[in-house]
Amino acid sequence: MDKLPRYIEVSSTLEFSRLVCALERAPRVSFLHEHNGKKVLSVQMDILKEKPIVYYTPFENDGHYICYGLKGGKEESDIVNSTSDASKLYSPIVRIKSLPDALKPGNGTADRYLPIELEDLSSLAKLTWGFEEIPFPLFLFPHANKWLVGVFMNFNEEGASYFCHVVLDSDPGKPFLKFTTNNGSEPSFVDNPSEHGYSYIKIIKLKETHPLVDYGHLQN
């Protein structure tokens, strides 16, 4: 029972919609089930020392698909019963009647992501090198009066897992990081990934500080 998953809440249904749909070649499947007595949508995004890391959002709806798109440069998210609008992305909602014990949340783990602080957003964007076709999300959350934005990754399957991040003074308030490798311009936070000639990474804001980062190793 030492390999039970950890469940981490994102800050809104829109954040979850971006997580499973935005910039994906094929949107991820979302799972609907009970968690702590409430219905939630969830998706597994990582494995930490053989423990599934699952992100979720509370959900009260009878629809069959998460619908995500952009209108007027702003994100839209809805729960629908049809995938008829070809301009939108859809994540199918799979309803789980009862979670097996192996997918029920654990009570805690000593395993942690080791933090690696990067000097700038350009360094963070460069971690996408070789991952352009399978974009990973950046996770954003508050910590010690600052905001951390970064990616969870490991460099080999047997070794430690890391949180490669940049420290921000405030919440950037925009859901995408725009960057280019064609000139020396610095990456910037933007509302949508629609400007041609750039690459984009989606940002997922958590409801609270991520519980699995070893903050004792952060430099002051």
N, C-alpha and C. Protein backbone atom coordinates (compact mmCIF):
# COMPACT_ATOMS: atom_id res chain seq x y z
N MET A 1 0.82 -1.21 0.00
CA MET A 1 0.00 0.00 0.00
C MET A 1 0.86 1.26 0.00
N ASP A 2 2.20 1.11 -0.22
CA ASP A 2 3.07 2.27 -0.18
C ASP A 2 3.18 2.96 -1.54
N LYS A 3 2.39 2.52 -2.51
CA LYS A 3 2.43 3.12 -3.83
C LYS A 3 1.13 3.81 -4.18
N LEU A 4 0.37 4.22 -3.15
CA LEU A 4 -0.90 4.89 -3.39
C LEU A 4 -0.66 6.28 -3.99
N PRO A 5 -1.59 6.74 -4.83
CA PRO A 5 -1.41 8.03 -5.50
C PRO A 5 -1.59 9.21 -4.56
N ARG A 6 -1.08 10.36 -4.99
CA ARG A 6 -1.34 11.63 -4.32
C ARG A 6 -2.22 12.48 -5.23
N TYR A 7 -3.23 13.09 -4.64
CA TYR A 7 -4.17 13.93 -5.38
C TYR A 7 -3.91 15.39 -5.05
N ILE A 8 -3.76 16.22 -6.09
CA ILE A 8 -3.42 17.63 -5.93
C ILE A 8 -4.44 18.46 -6.70
N GLU A 9 -5.06 19.43 -6.04
CA GLU A 9 -6.15 20.20 -6.65
C GLU A 9 -5.63 21.39 -7.44
N VAL A 10 -6.15 21.57 -8.66
CA VAL A 10 -5.87 22.77 -9.43
C VAL A 10 -6.87 23.85 -9.03
N SER A 11 -6.61 25.09 -9.42
CA SER A 11 -7.36 26.19 -8.84
C SER A 11 -8.77 26.37 -9.41
N SER A 12 -9.07 25.75 -10.57
CA SER A 12 -10.40 25.92 -11.14
C SER A 12 -10.65 24.87 -12.22
N THR A 13 -11.90 24.76 -12.63
CA THR A 13 -12.23 23.86 -13.74
C THR A 13 -11.55 24.31 -15.03
N LEU A 14 -11.42 25.63 -15.22
CA LEU A 14 -10.74 26.13 -16.41
C LEU A 14 -9.28 25.67 -16.43
N GLU A 15 -8.60 25.72 -15.29
CA GLU A 15 -7.21 25.24 -15.23
C GLU A 15 -7.15 23.77 -15.61
N PHE A 16 -8.11 22.98 -15.12
CA PHE A 16 -8.13 21.56 -15.45
C PHE A 16 -8.39 21.37 -16.94
N SER A 17 -9.28 22.16 -17.51
CA SER A 17 -9.57 22.08 -18.94
C SER A 17 -8.33 22.37 -19.77
N ARG A 18 -7.57 23.38 -19.37
CA ARG A 18 -6.32 23.70 -20.07
C ARG A 18 -5.33 22.55 -19.94
N LEU A 19 -5.28 21.95 -18.75
CA LEU A 19 -4.35 20.86 -18.50
C LEU A 19 -4.60 19.69 -19.44
N VAL A 20 -5.85 19.30 -19.65
CA VAL A 20 -6.15 18.11 -20.44
C VAL A 20 -6.31 18.40 -21.93
N CYS A 21 -6.51 19.67 -22.30
CA CYS A 21 -6.82 19.98 -23.70
C CYS A 21 -5.79 20.87 -24.41
N ALA A 22 -5.40 21.97 -23.80
CA ALA A 22 -4.64 23.00 -24.51
C ALA A 22 -3.30 22.48 -25.02
N LEU A 23 -3.00 22.77 -26.28
CA LEU A 23 -1.73 22.46 -26.93
C LEU A 23 -1.46 20.96 -27.06
N GLU A 24 -2.45 20.13 -26.77
CA GLU A 24 -2.27 18.69 -26.90
C GLU A 24 -2.62 18.24 -28.31
N ARG A 25 -1.82 17.33 -28.88
CA ARG A 25 -2.17 16.76 -30.18
C ARG A 25 -3.48 15.99 -30.08
N ALA A 26 -3.65 15.27 -28.99
CA ALA A 26 -4.90 14.59 -28.69
C ALA A 26 -5.20 14.86 -27.22
N PRO A 27 -6.32 15.52 -26.89
CA PRO A 27 -6.61 15.81 -25.48
C PRO A 27 -6.59 14.54 -24.63
N ARG A 28 -6.21 14.72 -23.39
CA ARG A 28 -6.16 13.61 -22.46
C ARG A 28 -7.57 13.22 -22.02
N VAL A 29 -7.74 11.98 -21.63
CA VAL A 29 -9.01 11.52 -21.07
C VAL A 29 -9.11 11.98 -19.62
N SER A 30 -10.30 12.47 -19.24
CA SER A 30 -10.56 12.87 -17.86
C SER A 30 -11.39 11.78 -17.16
N PHE A 31 -11.12 11.58 -15.89
CA PHE A 31 -11.83 10.56 -15.14
C PHE A 31 -12.70 11.22 -14.06
N LEU A 32 -13.94 10.78 -14.01
CA LEU A 32 -14.89 11.30 -13.02
C LEU A 32 -15.12 10.24 -11.95
N HIS A 33 -14.90 10.62 -10.70
CA HIS A 33 -15.08 9.67 -9.61
C HIS A 33 -15.20 10.43 -8.31
N GLU A 34 -15.43 9.71 -7.23
CA GLU A 34 -15.52 10.33 -5.91
C GLU A 34 -14.13 10.48 -5.29
N HIS A 35 -13.94 11.60 -4.61
CA HIS A 35 -12.70 11.86 -3.89
C HIS A 35 -13.07 12.63 -2.63
N ASN A 36 -12.78 12.06 -1.48
CA ASN A 36 -13.15 12.68 -0.20
C ASN A 36 -14.64 13.02 -0.14
N GLY A 37 -15.46 12.12 -0.68
CA GLY A 37 -16.90 12.29 -0.60
C GLY A 37 -17.51 13.21 -1.64
N LYS A 38 -16.70 13.73 -2.57
CA LYS A 38 -17.21 14.64 -3.60
C LYS A 38 -16.81 14.14 -4.98
N LYS A 39 -17.60 14.51 -5.98
CA LYS A 39 -17.27 14.17 -7.35
C LYS A 39 -16.14 15.07 -7.85
N VAL A 40 -15.17 14.47 -8.52
CA VAL A 40 -14.06 15.25 -9.08
C VAL A 40 -13.73 14.74 -10.48
N LEU A 41 -13.11 15.61 -11.28
CA LEU A 41 -12.46 15.21 -12.51
C LEU A 41 -10.97 15.09 -12.22
N SER A 42 -10.33 14.04 -12.73
CA SER A 42 -8.92 13.86 -12.43
C SER A 42 -8.16 13.36 -13.65
N VAL A 43 -6.84 13.58 -13.61
CA VAL A 43 -5.95 13.07 -14.65
C VAL A 43 -4.58 12.83 -14.01
N GLN A 44 -3.99 11.69 -14.31
CA GLN A 44 -2.64 11.42 -13.81
C GLN A 44 -1.62 12.10 -14.71
N MET A 45 -0.67 12.82 -14.09
CA MET A 45 0.32 13.57 -14.86
C MET A 45 1.76 13.14 -14.61
N ASP A 46 2.00 12.34 -13.57
CA ASP A 46 3.38 12.01 -13.25
C ASP A 46 3.39 10.78 -12.35
N ILE A 47 4.59 10.23 -12.16
CA ILE A 47 4.83 9.16 -11.19
C ILE A 47 6.04 9.57 -10.37
N LEU A 48 5.89 9.59 -9.06
CA LEU A 48 6.98 9.94 -8.15
C LEU A 48 7.30 8.71 -7.30
N LYS A 49 8.45 8.10 -7.56
CA LYS A 49 8.85 6.89 -6.83
C LYS A 49 7.73 5.85 -6.85
N GLU A 50 7.21 5.59 -8.05
CA GLU A 50 6.18 4.60 -8.32
C GLU A 50 4.80 5.01 -7.80
N LYS A 51 4.65 6.22 -7.28
CA LYS A 51 3.35 6.69 -6.82
C LYS A 51 2.73 7.61 -7.89
N PRO A 52 1.52 7.31 -8.36
CA PRO A 52 0.86 8.19 -9.33
C PRO A 52 0.60 9.57 -8.71
N ILE A 53 0.87 10.61 -9.50
CA ILE A 53 0.56 11.99 -9.09
C ILE A 53 -0.63 12.44 -9.94
N VAL A 54 -1.74 12.68 -9.27
CA VAL A 54 -3.01 12.94 -9.94
C VAL A 54 -3.46 14.36 -9.63
N TYR A 55 -3.87 15.10 -10.66
CA TYR A 55 -4.39 16.45 -10.49
C TYR A 55 -5.90 16.42 -10.72
N TYR A 56 -6.62 17.23 -9.94
CA TYR A 56 -8.09 17.13 -10.00
C TYR A 56 -8.75 18.48 -9.76
N THR A 57 -10.06 18.51 -10.06
CA THR A 57 -10.89 19.66 -9.76
C THR A 57 -12.28 19.17 -9.38
N PRO A 58 -12.96 19.80 -8.43
CA PRO A 58 -14.33 19.40 -8.11
C PRO A 58 -15.23 19.55 -9.33
N PHE A 59 -16.24 18.68 -9.41
CA PHE A 59 -17.06 18.64 -10.63
C PHE A 59 -18.48 18.23 -10.28
N GLU A 60 -19.44 19.04 -10.73
CA GLU A 60 -20.85 18.69 -10.55
C GLU A 60 -21.55 18.97 -11.86
N ASN A 61 -21.64 17.96 -12.70
CA ASN A 61 -22.25 18.14 -14.01
C ASN A 61 -22.55 16.76 -14.59
N ASP A 62 -23.48 16.74 -15.54
CA ASP A 62 -23.86 15.47 -16.16
C ASP A 62 -23.36 15.33 -17.59
N GLY A 63 -22.51 16.24 -18.04
CA GLY A 63 -22.05 16.20 -19.43
C GLY A 63 -21.07 15.08 -19.70
N HIS A 64 -20.76 14.91 -21.00
CA HIS A 64 -19.90 13.80 -21.43
C HIS A 64 -18.51 14.24 -21.87
N TYR A 65 -18.32 15.54 -22.12
CA TYR A 65 -17.01 16.01 -22.62
C TYR A 65 -16.67 17.36 -21.98
N ILE A 66 -15.39 17.56 -21.72
CA ILE A 66 -14.89 18.90 -21.43
C ILE A 66 -14.60 19.56 -22.77
N CYS A 67 -15.15 20.73 -22.96
CA CYS A 67 -14.97 21.49 -24.20
C CYS A 67 -14.08 22.69 -23.90
N TYR A 68 -13.00 22.84 -24.68
CA TYR A 68 -12.04 23.93 -24.44
C TYR A 68 -11.73 24.61 -25.76
N GLY A 69 -11.68 25.93 -25.74
CA GLY A 69 -11.32 26.67 -26.94
C GLY A 69 -11.01 28.11 -26.63
N LEU A 70 -10.72 28.87 -27.67
CA LEU A 70 -10.42 30.29 -27.56
C LEU A 70 -11.43 31.08 -28.37
N LYS A 71 -11.93 32.15 -27.78
CA LYS A 71 -12.87 33.03 -28.47
C LYS A 71 -12.50 34.46 -28.15
N GLY A 72 -12.21 35.24 -29.18
CA GLY A 72 -11.79 36.61 -28.97
C GLY A 72 -10.51 36.72 -28.16
N GLY A 73 -9.63 35.71 -28.30
CA GLY A 73 -8.37 35.72 -27.58
C GLY A 73 -8.47 35.29 -26.14
N LYS A 74 -9.65 34.88 -25.69
CA LYS A 74 -9.85 34.44 -24.32
C LYS A 74 -10.24 32.98 -24.29
N GLU A 75 -9.82 32.30 -23.25
CA GLU A 75 -10.15 30.89 -23.10
C GLU A 75 -11.62 30.70 -22.75
N GLU A 76 -12.18 29.61 -23.27
CA GLU A 76 -13.52 29.20 -22.92
C GLU A 76 -13.50 27.73 -22.52
N SER A 77 -14.28 27.40 -21.51
CA SER A 77 -14.37 26.02 -21.07
C SER A 77 -15.81 25.71 -20.71
N ASP A 78 -16.28 24.52 -21.09
CA ASP A 78 -17.66 24.14 -20.81
C ASP A 78 -17.73 22.62 -20.74
N ILE A 79 -18.83 22.14 -20.22
CA ILE A 79 -19.12 20.71 -20.20
C ILE A 79 -20.28 20.47 -21.17
N VAL A 80 -20.06 19.61 -22.16
CA VAL A 80 -21.04 19.44 -23.24
C VAL A 80 -21.30 17.95 -23.47
N ASN A 81 -22.32 17.69 -24.28
CA ASN A 81 -22.70 16.32 -24.61
C ASN A 81 -22.34 15.92 -26.03
N SER A 82 -21.78 16.86 -26.81
CA SER A 82 -21.47 16.60 -28.20
C SER A 82 -20.14 17.23 -28.57
N THR A 83 -19.45 16.62 -29.54
CA THR A 83 -18.17 17.17 -30.02
C THR A 83 -18.36 17.79 -31.41
N SER A 84 -19.48 18.44 -31.62
CA SER A 84 -19.86 18.89 -32.96
C SER A 84 -19.12 20.13 -33.44
N ASP A 85 -18.54 20.92 -32.53
CA ASP A 85 -17.84 22.15 -32.92
C ASP A 85 -16.38 21.81 -33.18
N ALA A 86 -16.00 21.76 -34.44
CA ALA A 86 -14.65 21.34 -34.82
C ALA A 86 -13.58 22.35 -34.41
N SER A 87 -13.98 23.56 -34.03
CA SER A 87 -13.00 24.57 -33.63
C SER A 87 -12.57 24.40 -32.18
N LYS A 88 -13.19 23.48 -31.46
CA LYS A 88 -12.90 23.28 -30.04
C LYS A 88 -12.15 21.97 -29.83
N LEU A 89 -11.53 21.85 -28.66
CA LEU A 89 -10.89 20.61 -28.24
C LEU A 89 -11.76 19.95 -27.17
N TYR A 90 -11.76 18.62 -27.16
CA TYR A 90 -12.65 17.90 -26.25
C TYR A 90 -11.89 16.83 -25.49
N SER A 91 -12.11 16.78 -24.19
CA SER A 91 -11.61 15.70 -23.36
C SER A 91 -12.79 14.84 -22.95
N PRO A 92 -12.81 13.56 -23.34
CA PRO A 92 -13.91 12.69 -22.94
C PRO A 92 -13.87 12.41 -21.45
N ILE A 93 -15.03 12.41 -20.83
CA ILE A 93 -15.15 12.16 -19.40
C ILE A 93 -15.54 10.70 -19.19
N VAL A 94 -14.66 9.95 -18.56
CA VAL A 94 -14.90 8.54 -18.27
C VAL A 94 -15.33 8.43 -16.81
N ARG A 95 -16.51 7.88 -16.60
CA ARG A 95 -17.08 7.80 -15.25
C ARG A 95 -16.69 6.49 -14.58
N ILE A 96 -16.01 6.61 -13.46
CA ILE A 96 -15.59 5.44 -12.70
C ILE A 96 -16.58 5.22 -11.56
N LYS A 97 -17.22 4.06 -11.55
CA LYS A 97 -18.23 3.78 -10.53
C LYS A 97 -17.62 3.69 -9.15
N SER A 98 -16.48 3.01 -9.05
CA SER A 98 -15.82 2.86 -7.76
C SER A 98 -14.33 2.68 -7.98
N LEU A 99 -13.53 3.50 -7.34
CA LEU A 99 -12.07 3.41 -7.49
C LEU A 99 -11.55 2.14 -6.82
N PRO A 100 -10.65 1.40 -7.48
CA PRO A 100 -9.97 0.30 -6.80
C PRO A 100 -9.05 0.87 -5.72
N ASP A 101 -8.69 0.04 -4.76
CA ASP A 101 -7.85 0.51 -3.65
C ASP A 101 -6.55 1.14 -4.13
N ALA A 102 -5.99 0.61 -5.24
CA ALA A 102 -4.71 1.11 -5.73
C ALA A 102 -4.79 2.54 -6.24
N LEU A 103 -6.01 3.04 -6.54
CA LEU A 103 -6.16 4.41 -7.04
C LEU A 103 -6.74 5.35 -5.99
N LYS A 104 -6.97 4.83 -4.80
CA LYS A 104 -7.46 5.71 -3.73
C LYS A 104 -6.28 6.48 -3.15
N PRO A 105 -6.53 7.71 -2.71
CA PRO A 105 -5.41 8.56 -2.27
C PRO A 105 -4.69 8.00 -1.06
N GLY A 106 -3.39 8.25 -1.00
CA GLY A 106 -2.58 7.85 0.15
C GLY A 106 -2.61 8.91 1.23
N ASN A 107 -2.13 8.57 2.38
CA ASN A 107 -2.14 9.49 3.52
C ASN A 107 -0.87 10.30 3.65
N GLY A 108 0.05 10.12 2.74
CA GLY A 108 1.29 10.88 2.82
C GLY A 108 2.45 10.06 2.31
N THR A 109 3.52 10.73 1.99
CA THR A 109 4.71 10.06 1.50
C THR A 109 5.92 10.91 1.84
N ALA A 110 7.02 10.25 2.13
CA ALA A 110 8.26 10.98 2.40
C ALA A 110 8.95 11.40 1.11
N ASP A 111 8.52 10.86 -0.03
CA ASP A 111 9.15 11.20 -1.30
C ASP A 111 8.80 12.63 -1.71
N ARG A 112 9.79 13.32 -2.23
CA ARG A 112 9.59 14.72 -2.63
C ARG A 112 10.34 14.98 -3.93
N TYR A 113 9.83 16.00 -4.65
CA TYR A 113 10.59 16.53 -5.79
C TYR A 113 11.68 17.44 -5.24
N LEU A 114 12.89 17.30 -5.76
CA LEU A 114 13.98 18.17 -5.36
C LEU A 114 13.95 19.44 -6.22
N PRO A 115 13.95 20.61 -5.61
CA PRO A 115 13.86 21.84 -6.40
C PRO A 115 15.18 22.22 -7.05
N ILE A 116 15.11 22.65 -8.29
CA ILE A 116 16.25 23.23 -9.00
C ILE A 116 15.81 24.61 -9.48
N GLU A 117 16.36 25.66 -8.87
CA GLU A 117 15.97 27.01 -9.28
C GLU A 117 16.79 27.44 -10.50
N LEU A 118 16.09 27.91 -11.52
CA LEU A 118 16.73 28.41 -12.73
C LEU A 118 16.85 29.92 -12.67
N GLU A 119 17.76 30.47 -13.46
CA GLU A 119 18.02 31.91 -13.38
C GLU A 119 16.93 32.73 -14.05
N ASP A 120 16.30 32.19 -15.12
CA ASP A 120 15.36 33.03 -15.86
C ASP A 120 14.36 32.15 -16.62
N LEU A 121 13.34 32.82 -17.17
CA LEU A 121 12.30 32.12 -17.93
C LEU A 121 12.86 31.50 -19.21
N SER A 122 13.89 32.10 -19.77
CA SER A 122 14.52 31.55 -20.96
C SER A 122 15.08 30.15 -20.68
N SER A 123 15.70 30.00 -19.53
CA SER A 123 16.23 28.68 -19.15
C SER A 123 15.10 27.68 -18.96
N LEU A 124 13.99 28.13 -18.39
CA LEU A 124 12.84 27.25 -18.21
C LEU A 124 12.28 26.82 -19.56
N ALA A 125 12.15 27.75 -20.49
CA ALA A 125 11.63 27.42 -21.81
C ALA A 125 12.55 26.45 -22.56
N LYS A 126 13.86 26.56 -22.33
CA LYS A 126 14.80 25.68 -23.03
C LYS A 126 14.66 24.22 -22.62
N LEU A 127 14.02 23.97 -21.49
CA LEU A 127 13.79 22.58 -21.08
C LEU A 127 12.82 21.87 -22.02
N THR A 128 12.12 22.61 -22.86
CA THR A 128 11.21 21.99 -23.83
C THR A 128 11.98 21.40 -25.01
N TRP A 129 13.27 21.64 -25.09
CA TRP A 129 14.06 21.16 -26.23
C TRP A 129 13.86 19.65 -26.40
N GLY A 130 13.39 19.27 -27.56
CA GLY A 130 13.12 17.86 -27.83
C GLY A 130 11.72 17.42 -27.44
N PHE A 131 10.96 18.31 -26.79
CA PHE A 131 9.61 17.97 -26.36
C PHE A 131 8.54 18.76 -27.11
N GLU A 132 8.90 19.38 -28.23
CA GLU A 132 7.96 20.28 -28.91
C GLU A 132 6.67 19.58 -29.30
N GLU A 133 6.75 18.30 -29.67
CA GLU A 133 5.56 17.60 -30.14
C GLU A 133 4.72 17.04 -28.98
N ILE A 134 5.29 16.98 -27.81
CA ILE A 134 4.55 16.50 -26.64
C ILE A 134 4.74 17.54 -25.53
N PRO A 135 4.01 18.63 -25.58
CA PRO A 135 4.27 19.74 -24.66
C PRO A 135 3.91 19.38 -23.21
N PHE A 136 4.83 19.67 -22.31
CA PHE A 136 4.51 19.47 -20.89
C PHE A 136 3.94 20.76 -20.32
N PRO A 137 3.14 20.66 -19.26
CA PRO A 137 2.65 21.88 -18.63
C PRO A 137 3.63 22.41 -17.60
N LEU A 138 3.58 23.71 -17.39
CA LEU A 138 4.22 24.32 -16.24
C LEU A 138 3.19 24.43 -15.12
N PHE A 139 3.62 24.22 -13.89
CA PHE A 139 2.73 24.37 -12.76
C PHE A 139 3.11 25.62 -11.98
N LEU A 140 2.10 26.37 -11.57
CA LEU A 140 2.27 27.66 -10.89
C LEU A 140 1.58 27.59 -9.54
N PHE A 141 2.28 28.02 -8.48
CA PHE A 141 1.65 28.02 -7.16
C PHE A 141 2.42 28.95 -6.22
N PRO A 142 1.77 29.40 -5.16
CA PRO A 142 2.42 30.31 -4.22
C PRO A 142 3.30 29.55 -3.23
N HIS A 143 4.35 30.25 -2.80
CA HIS A 143 5.20 29.71 -1.73
C HIS A 143 5.99 30.87 -1.11
N ALA A 144 5.82 31.04 0.20
CA ALA A 144 6.61 32.02 0.97
C ALA A 144 6.57 33.41 0.35
N ASN A 145 5.38 33.91 0.09
CA ASN A 145 5.16 35.26 -0.45
C ASN A 145 5.70 35.45 -1.87
N LYS A 146 6.07 34.36 -2.52
CA LYS A 146 6.48 34.40 -3.92
C LYS A 146 5.61 33.42 -4.70
N TRP A 147 5.83 33.36 -6.00
CA TRP A 147 5.17 32.37 -6.84
C TRP A 147 6.24 31.56 -7.56
N LEU A 148 6.06 30.27 -7.60
CA LEU A 148 6.97 29.39 -8.31
C LEU A 148 6.29 28.86 -9.55
N VAL A 149 7.01 28.88 -10.67
CA VAL A 149 6.49 28.31 -11.91
C VAL A 149 7.56 27.40 -12.48
N GLY A 150 7.17 26.17 -12.81
CA GLY A 150 8.18 25.24 -13.29
C GLY A 150 7.59 23.93 -13.75
N VAL A 151 8.49 23.00 -14.06
CA VAL A 151 8.10 21.70 -14.60
C VAL A 151 8.68 20.60 -13.73
N PHE A 152 7.89 19.54 -13.56
CA PHE A 152 8.34 18.37 -12.83
C PHE A 152 8.95 17.38 -13.82
N MET A 153 10.14 16.91 -13.53
CA MET A 153 10.80 16.02 -14.48
C MET A 153 11.85 15.18 -13.77
N ASN A 154 12.20 14.05 -14.39
CA ASN A 154 13.36 13.30 -13.93
C ASN A 154 14.25 13.04 -15.13
N PHE A 155 15.52 12.90 -14.87
CA PHE A 155 16.49 12.75 -15.94
C PHE A 155 16.84 11.29 -16.22
N ASN A 156 16.43 10.42 -15.32
CA ASN A 156 16.48 8.98 -15.57
C ASN A 156 15.45 8.32 -14.67
N GLU A 157 14.94 7.16 -15.10
CA GLU A 157 13.82 6.54 -14.41
C GLU A 157 14.15 6.10 -12.99
N GLU A 158 15.39 5.79 -12.74
CA GLU A 158 15.75 5.26 -11.43
C GLU A 158 16.13 6.37 -10.43
N GLY A 159 16.42 7.56 -10.94
CA GLY A 159 16.92 8.61 -10.07
C GLY A 159 15.83 9.45 -9.45
N ALA A 160 16.25 10.56 -8.84
CA ALA A 160 15.33 11.47 -8.19
C ALA A 160 14.49 12.22 -9.22
N SER A 161 13.37 12.75 -8.76
CA SER A 161 12.54 13.63 -9.58
C SER A 161 12.76 15.06 -9.12
N TYR A 162 12.67 15.99 -10.07
CA TYR A 162 13.02 17.38 -9.79
C TYR A 162 11.90 18.34 -10.17
N PHE A 163 11.90 19.49 -9.51
CA PHE A 163 11.02 20.60 -9.90
C PHE A 163 11.92 21.73 -10.36
N CYS A 164 12.04 21.86 -11.68
CA CYS A 164 12.87 22.91 -12.28
C CYS A 164 12.01 24.16 -12.42
N HIS A 165 12.40 25.24 -11.77
CA HIS A 165 11.46 26.35 -11.63
C HIS A 165 12.15 27.71 -11.62
N VAL A 166 11.32 28.73 -11.76
CA VAL A 166 11.72 30.13 -11.63
C VAL A 166 10.87 30.75 -10.54
N VAL A 167 11.46 31.62 -9.74
CA VAL A 167 10.73 32.32 -8.68
C VAL A 167 10.22 33.66 -9.22
N LEU A 168 8.93 33.91 -9.03
CA LEU A 168 8.29 35.15 -9.48
C LEU A 168 7.84 35.96 -8.26
N ASP A 169 7.80 37.28 -8.42
CA ASP A 169 7.33 38.13 -7.32
C ASP A 169 5.82 38.09 -7.17
N SER A 170 5.11 37.77 -8.26
CA SER A 170 3.65 37.79 -8.21
C SER A 170 3.08 36.79 -9.22
N ASP A 171 1.80 36.53 -9.10
CA ASP A 171 1.09 35.68 -10.06
C ASP A 171 1.07 36.39 -11.41
N PRO A 172 1.60 35.78 -12.47
CA PRO A 172 1.61 36.47 -13.77
C PRO A 172 0.22 36.68 -14.34
N GLY A 173 -0.75 35.91 -13.91
CA GLY A 173 -2.13 36.13 -14.32
C GLY A 173 -2.43 35.79 -15.76
N LYS A 174 -1.52 35.11 -16.43
CA LYS A 174 -1.73 34.72 -17.83
C LYS A 174 -1.39 33.23 -17.97
N PRO A 175 -2.14 32.51 -18.81
CA PRO A 175 -2.07 31.05 -18.79
C PRO A 175 -1.07 30.40 -19.73
N PHE A 176 -0.28 31.20 -20.47
CA PHE A 176 0.69 30.61 -21.40
C PHE A 176 2.01 31.37 -21.33
N LEU A 177 3.11 30.62 -21.57
CA LEU A 177 4.42 31.24 -21.71
C LEU A 177 4.81 31.18 -23.18
N LYS A 178 5.07 32.33 -23.76
CA LYS A 178 5.43 32.45 -25.17
C LYS A 178 6.94 32.61 -25.30
N PHE A 179 7.54 31.87 -26.26
CA PHE A 179 8.98 31.99 -26.45
C PHE A 179 9.34 31.62 -27.88
N THR A 180 10.56 31.96 -28.26
CA THR A 180 11.06 31.60 -29.59
C THR A 180 12.54 31.27 -29.49
N THR A 181 13.01 30.39 -30.37
CA THR A 181 14.44 30.07 -30.44
C THR A 181 15.10 30.80 -31.61
N ASN A 182 14.36 31.66 -32.30
CA ASN A 182 14.87 32.29 -33.52
C ASN A 182 15.52 33.63 -33.27
N ASN A 183 15.36 34.19 -32.09
CA ASN A 183 16.06 35.44 -31.78
C ASN A 183 16.30 35.49 -30.28
N GLY A 184 16.87 36.55 -29.81
CA GLY A 184 17.24 36.63 -28.41
C GLY A 184 16.18 37.18 -27.50
N SER A 185 14.93 37.29 -27.96
CA SER A 185 13.88 37.88 -27.14
C SER A 185 13.56 36.99 -25.95
N GLU A 186 13.22 37.62 -24.84
CA GLU A 186 12.90 36.90 -23.62
C GLU A 186 11.48 36.34 -23.68
N PRO A 187 11.24 35.18 -23.08
CA PRO A 187 9.87 34.65 -23.01
C PRO A 187 8.96 35.62 -22.26
N SER A 188 7.67 35.51 -22.53
CA SER A 188 6.71 36.38 -21.87
C SER A 188 5.41 35.63 -21.60
N PHE A 189 4.68 36.08 -20.60
CA PHE A 189 3.39 35.48 -20.27
C PHE A 189 2.31 36.13 -21.14
N VAL A 190 1.44 35.30 -21.73
CA VAL A 190 0.41 35.82 -22.64
C VAL A 190 -0.92 35.13 -22.36
N ASP A 191 -1.99 35.74 -22.92
CA ASP A 191 -3.35 35.23 -22.70
C ASP A 191 -3.69 34.03 -23.57
N ASN A 192 -3.05 33.92 -24.74
CA ASN A 192 -3.41 32.83 -25.65
C ASN A 192 -2.22 32.48 -26.54
N PRO A 193 -2.25 31.29 -27.12
CA PRO A 193 -1.13 30.82 -27.95
C PRO A 193 -1.36 31.02 -29.44
N SER A 194 -1.81 32.21 -29.82
CA SER A 194 -2.27 32.41 -31.20
C SER A 194 -1.31 33.18 -32.10
N GLU A 195 -0.26 33.75 -31.56
CA GLU A 195 0.65 34.53 -32.41
C GLU A 195 1.61 33.59 -33.13
N HIS A 196 1.64 33.68 -34.44
CA HIS A 196 2.46 32.77 -35.23
C HIS A 196 3.95 33.07 -35.05
N GLY A 197 4.75 32.05 -35.25
CA GLY A 197 6.19 32.20 -35.15
C GLY A 197 6.76 31.99 -33.77
N TYR A 198 5.90 31.61 -32.81
CA TYR A 198 6.35 31.40 -31.44
C TYR A 198 5.95 30.00 -30.98
N SER A 199 6.62 29.53 -29.94
CA SER A 199 6.22 28.31 -29.25
C SER A 199 5.56 28.70 -27.93
N TYR A 200 4.76 27.79 -27.40
CA TYR A 200 4.00 28.10 -26.19
C TYR A 200 4.02 26.93 -25.23
N ILE A 201 4.01 27.24 -23.94
CA ILE A 201 3.86 26.25 -22.88
C ILE A 201 2.67 26.68 -22.04
N LYS A 202 1.76 25.75 -21.78
CA LYS A 202 0.61 26.10 -20.94
C LYS A 202 1.00 26.10 -19.47
N ILE A 203 0.32 26.93 -18.69
CA ILE A 203 0.58 27.09 -17.26
C ILE A 203 -0.66 26.67 -16.50
N ILE A 204 -0.49 25.81 -15.51
CA ILE A 204 -1.60 25.32 -14.70
C ILE A 204 -1.41 25.82 -13.27
N LYS A 205 -2.36 26.63 -12.81
CA LYS A 205 -2.27 27.17 -11.44
C LYS A 205 -2.94 26.21 -10.46
N LEU A 206 -2.25 25.92 -9.38
CA LEU A 206 -2.78 25.06 -8.34
C LEU A 206 -3.58 25.86 -7.32
N LYS A 207 -4.47 25.17 -6.63
CA LYS A 207 -5.28 25.84 -5.61
C LYS A 207 -4.43 26.28 -4.43
N GLU A 208 -3.42 25.46 -4.10
CA GLU A 208 -2.55 25.76 -2.97
C GLU A 208 -1.10 25.42 -3.33
N THR A 209 -0.19 25.65 -2.40
CA THR A 209 1.21 25.28 -2.59
C THR A 209 1.33 23.79 -2.87
N HIS A 210 2.16 23.44 -3.82
CA HIS A 210 2.33 22.02 -4.15
C HIS A 210 2.89 21.28 -2.93
N PRO A 211 2.23 20.18 -2.53
CA PRO A 211 2.63 19.52 -1.29
C PRO A 211 3.84 18.60 -1.39
N LEU A 212 4.37 18.37 -2.60
CA LEU A 212 5.39 17.34 -2.76
C LEU A 212 6.75 17.89 -3.18
N VAL A 213 6.98 19.19 -3.01
CA VAL A 213 8.29 19.77 -3.29
C VAL A 213 9.05 19.90 -1.97
N ASP A 214 10.31 19.54 -1.98
CA ASP A 214 11.14 19.63 -0.79
C ASP A 214 11.62 21.08 -0.62
N TYR A 215 10.80 21.88 0.02
CA TYR A 215 11.10 23.31 0.13
C TYR A 215 12.30 23.59 1.03
N GLY A 216 12.71 22.62 1.83
CA GLY A 216 13.88 22.80 2.67
C GLY A 216 15.16 22.96 1.88
N HIS A 217 15.11 22.55 0.59
CA HIS A 217 16.28 22.68 -0.26
C HIS A 217 16.26 23.95 -1.11
N LEU A 218 15.23 24.78 -0.95
CA LEU A 218 15.19 26.03 -1.69
C LEU A 218 16.20 27.02 -1.10
N GLN A 219 16.87 27.76 -1.99
CA GLN A 219 17.78 28.78 -1.54
C GLN A 219 16.99 30.04 -1.18
N ASN A 220 17.41 30.71 -0.13
CA ASN A 220 16.75 31.95 0.25
C ASN A 220 17.29 33.12 -0.56
